[in-house]
């Protein structure tokens, strides 16, 4: 999914992160106050991420049950989690950078909820699509990542 804005946690460190991401990778990050809750009680896993735009809190919530699973080849989850190259537009063209991480496992979501002004967050062109139920939803058991130095493509 194309993301017009990427959200990062607000605060002093976010100012530096936001500007470094813009300067080095051409990414348009937006710093907002955020909060999260992740619960794994053995029987159920849930994650909620919330961000405040103006005076209103918006959120993304997902929950799952059962054991984490390997990601099926050719699945939506594989498409989302297993791409190892990032691309950004720059004034002089495009840049490419490699992202490295181990293969993740997932829990397929039993419940999913996006409570946000989608048009304001991602752009009017995505509002209709993102207001529909998702084709797939999952919680990924991620890992540390490494982002390599970018190269400029002509």
Protein backbone atom coordinates (compact mmCIF):
# COMPACT_ATOMS: atom_id res chain seq x y z
CA UNK A 1 0.00 0.00 0.00
CA UNK A 2 1.26 3.45 -0.84
CA UNK A 3 1.49 5.57 2.28
CA UNK A 4 1.38 9.31 1.75
CA UNK A 5 2.48 10.03 5.28
CA UNK A 6 4.29 7.75 7.70
CA UNK A 7 3.55 8.36 11.34
CA UNK A 8 6.25 8.51 13.99
CA UNK A 9 5.92 9.14 17.70
CA UNK A 10 5.98 12.85 18.61
CA UNK A 11 8.52 14.47 20.93
CA UNK A 12 12.07 15.76 20.76
CA UNK A 13 13.53 12.63 19.13
CA UNK A 14 10.79 12.67 16.50
CA UNK A 15 11.91 16.06 15.21
CA UNK A 16 15.33 14.59 14.45
CA UNK A 17 13.87 11.36 13.00
CA UNK A 18 11.36 13.21 10.86
CA UNK A 19 13.99 15.50 9.35
CA UNK A 20 16.60 12.76 8.88
CA UNK A 21 14.06 10.56 7.07
CA UNK A 22 13.19 13.46 4.79
CA UNK A 23 16.81 14.43 4.14
CA UNK A 24 18.34 10.98 3.59
CA UNK A 25 15.47 8.89 2.22
CA UNK A 26 13.01 11.43 0.84
CA UNK A 27 10.29 9.97 3.07
CA UNK A 28 7.44 12.21 4.20
CA UNK A 29 7.06 11.39 7.88
CA UNK A 30 4.66 13.21 10.17
CA UNK A 31 5.36 13.40 13.90
CA UNK A 32 2.24 13.02 16.04
CA UNK A 33 1.53 12.14 19.66
CA UNK A 34 1.09 8.36 19.74
CA UNK A 35 0.27 5.56 22.13
CA UNK A 36 0.06 1.81 21.80
CA UNK A 37 -1.03 -1.33 23.61
CA UNK A 38 0.22 -4.81 22.76
CA UNK A 39 -1.14 -7.80 24.67
CA UNK A 40 -0.14 -11.45 24.31
CA UNK A 41 -1.74 -13.55 27.05
CA UNK A 42 -0.97 -16.89 25.37
CA UNK A 43 -4.50 -17.40 24.03
CA UNK A 44 -5.02 -14.06 22.30
CA UNK A 45 -2.72 -11.44 20.77
CA UNK A 46 -3.87 -7.87 20.20
CA UNK A 47 -2.25 -4.65 19.10
CA UNK A 48 -3.62 -1.12 19.08
CA UNK A 49 -1.80 1.92 17.74
CA UNK A 50 -3.33 5.35 18.23
CA UNK A 51 -2.27 8.79 17.05
CA UNK A 52 -3.67 12.24 17.73
CA UNK A 53 -4.29 14.69 14.94
CA UNK A 54 -5.51 17.96 16.37
CA UNK A 55 -7.74 17.10 19.31
CA UNK A 56 -8.94 13.75 17.98
CA UNK A 57 -7.42 10.31 18.60
CA UNK A 58 -7.44 7.86 15.67
CA UNK A 59 -6.48 4.20 15.85
CA UNK A 60 -5.73 0.89 14.20
CA UNK A 61 -6.71 -2.22 16.20
CA UNK A 62 -6.20 -5.88 15.40
CA UNK A 63 -6.53 -9.09 17.41
CA UNK A 64 -5.81 -12.76 16.75
CA UNK A 65 -5.96 -16.13 18.46
CA UNK A 66 -3.87 -19.27 18.17
CA UNK A 67 -0.22 -19.82 17.33
CA UNK A 68 1.87 -17.69 15.00
CA UNK A 69 2.23 -19.15 11.54
CA UNK A 70 4.84 -19.14 8.82
CA UNK A 71 3.86 -16.78 6.03
CA UNK A 72 2.37 -18.59 3.05
CA UNK A 73 4.14 -18.15 -0.29
CA UNK A 74 2.21 -15.84 -2.62
CA UNK A 75 -0.02 -14.47 0.17
CA UNK A 76 -0.89 -10.85 0.90
CA UNK A 77 1.10 -11.17 4.13
CA UNK A 78 4.19 -12.23 2.17
CA UNK A 79 3.77 -9.30 -0.22
CA UNK A 80 3.57 -6.84 2.71
CA UNK A 81 6.33 -8.28 4.93
CA UNK A 82 8.84 -9.84 2.56
CA UNK A 83 9.97 -7.03 0.32
CA UNK A 84 13.53 -5.97 0.85
CA UNK A 85 13.85 -2.84 -1.23
CA UNK A 86 12.51 0.65 -0.57
CA UNK A 87 12.05 3.37 -3.15
CA UNK A 88 11.52 7.10 -2.73
CA UNK A 89 11.12 10.02 -5.11
CA UNK A 90 13.71 12.76 -4.95
CA UNK A 91 14.10 16.03 -6.83
CA UNK A 92 16.75 14.39 -9.01
CA UNK A 93 14.81 11.16 -9.66
CA UNK A 94 14.38 8.11 -7.45
CA UNK A 95 16.45 6.42 -4.81
CA UNK A 96 16.61 2.77 -3.82
CA UNK A 97 17.65 1.28 -0.49
CA UNK A 98 17.89 -2.25 0.83
CA UNK A 99 16.04 -3.33 3.97
CA UNK A 100 17.25 -6.51 5.69
CA UNK A 101 15.46 -8.62 8.31
CA UNK A 102 14.78 -12.25 9.09
CA UNK A 103 11.59 -13.83 7.76
CA UNK A 104 8.73 -13.01 10.12
CA UNK A 105 5.85 -15.13 11.40
CA UNK A 106 2.28 -13.87 11.71
CA UNK A 107 -1.01 -14.31 13.49
CA UNK A 108 -3.96 -13.98 11.09
CA UNK A 109 -6.40 -11.43 12.48
CA UNK A 110 -9.77 -12.46 13.88
CA UNK A 111 -10.81 -8.80 14.34
CA UNK A 112 -9.67 -5.58 12.68
CA UNK A 113 -10.72 -1.94 13.08
CA UNK A 114 -9.44 1.29 11.55
CA UNK A 115 -10.92 4.40 13.17
CA UNK A 116 -9.48 7.37 11.28
CA UNK A 117 -10.24 10.11 8.83
CA UNK A 118 -8.72 8.13 5.97
CA UNK A 119 -8.98 10.91 3.41
CA UNK A 120 -7.06 13.34 5.66
CA UNK A 121 -4.47 10.73 6.63
CA UNK A 122 -3.70 9.04 3.28
CA UNK A 123 -5.38 11.24 0.67
CA UNK A 124 -8.83 11.35 -0.89
CA UNK A 125 -7.82 8.85 -3.59
CA UNK A 126 -7.50 6.11 -0.93
CA UNK A 127 -10.63 6.87 1.12
CA UNK A 128 -13.04 4.53 -0.68
CA UNK A 129 -10.62 1.59 -0.70
CA UNK A 130 -9.52 1.96 2.93
CA UNK A 131 -13.10 2.36 4.17
CA UNK A 132 -13.81 -1.22 2.99
CA UNK A 133 -13.02 -4.35 5.03
CA UNK A 134 -9.41 -5.48 4.43
CA UNK A 135 -8.57 -8.38 2.08
CA UNK A 136 -6.18 -9.59 4.75
CA UNK A 137 -5.19 -8.47 8.22
CA UNK A 138 -2.49 -9.90 10.45
CA UNK A 139 -0.11 -9.20 13.31
CA UNK A 140 3.54 -9.74 12.41
CA UNK A 141 6.10 -10.95 14.94
CA UNK A 142 8.81 -8.66 13.60
CA UNK A 143 12.54 -8.44 14.18
CA UNK A 144 15.28 -5.83 14.10
CA UNK A 145 15.93 -4.41 10.63
CA UNK A 146 18.90 -2.89 8.87
CA UNK A 147 18.49 -0.14 6.27
CA UNK A 148 21.41 0.14 3.88
CA UNK A 149 22.70 3.36 2.35
CA UNK A 150 20.53 4.53 -0.53
CA UNK A 151 21.62 4.78 -4.13
CA UNK A 152 20.25 7.25 -6.66
CA UNK A 153 18.55 5.77 -9.73
CA UNK A 154 18.31 7.71 -12.96
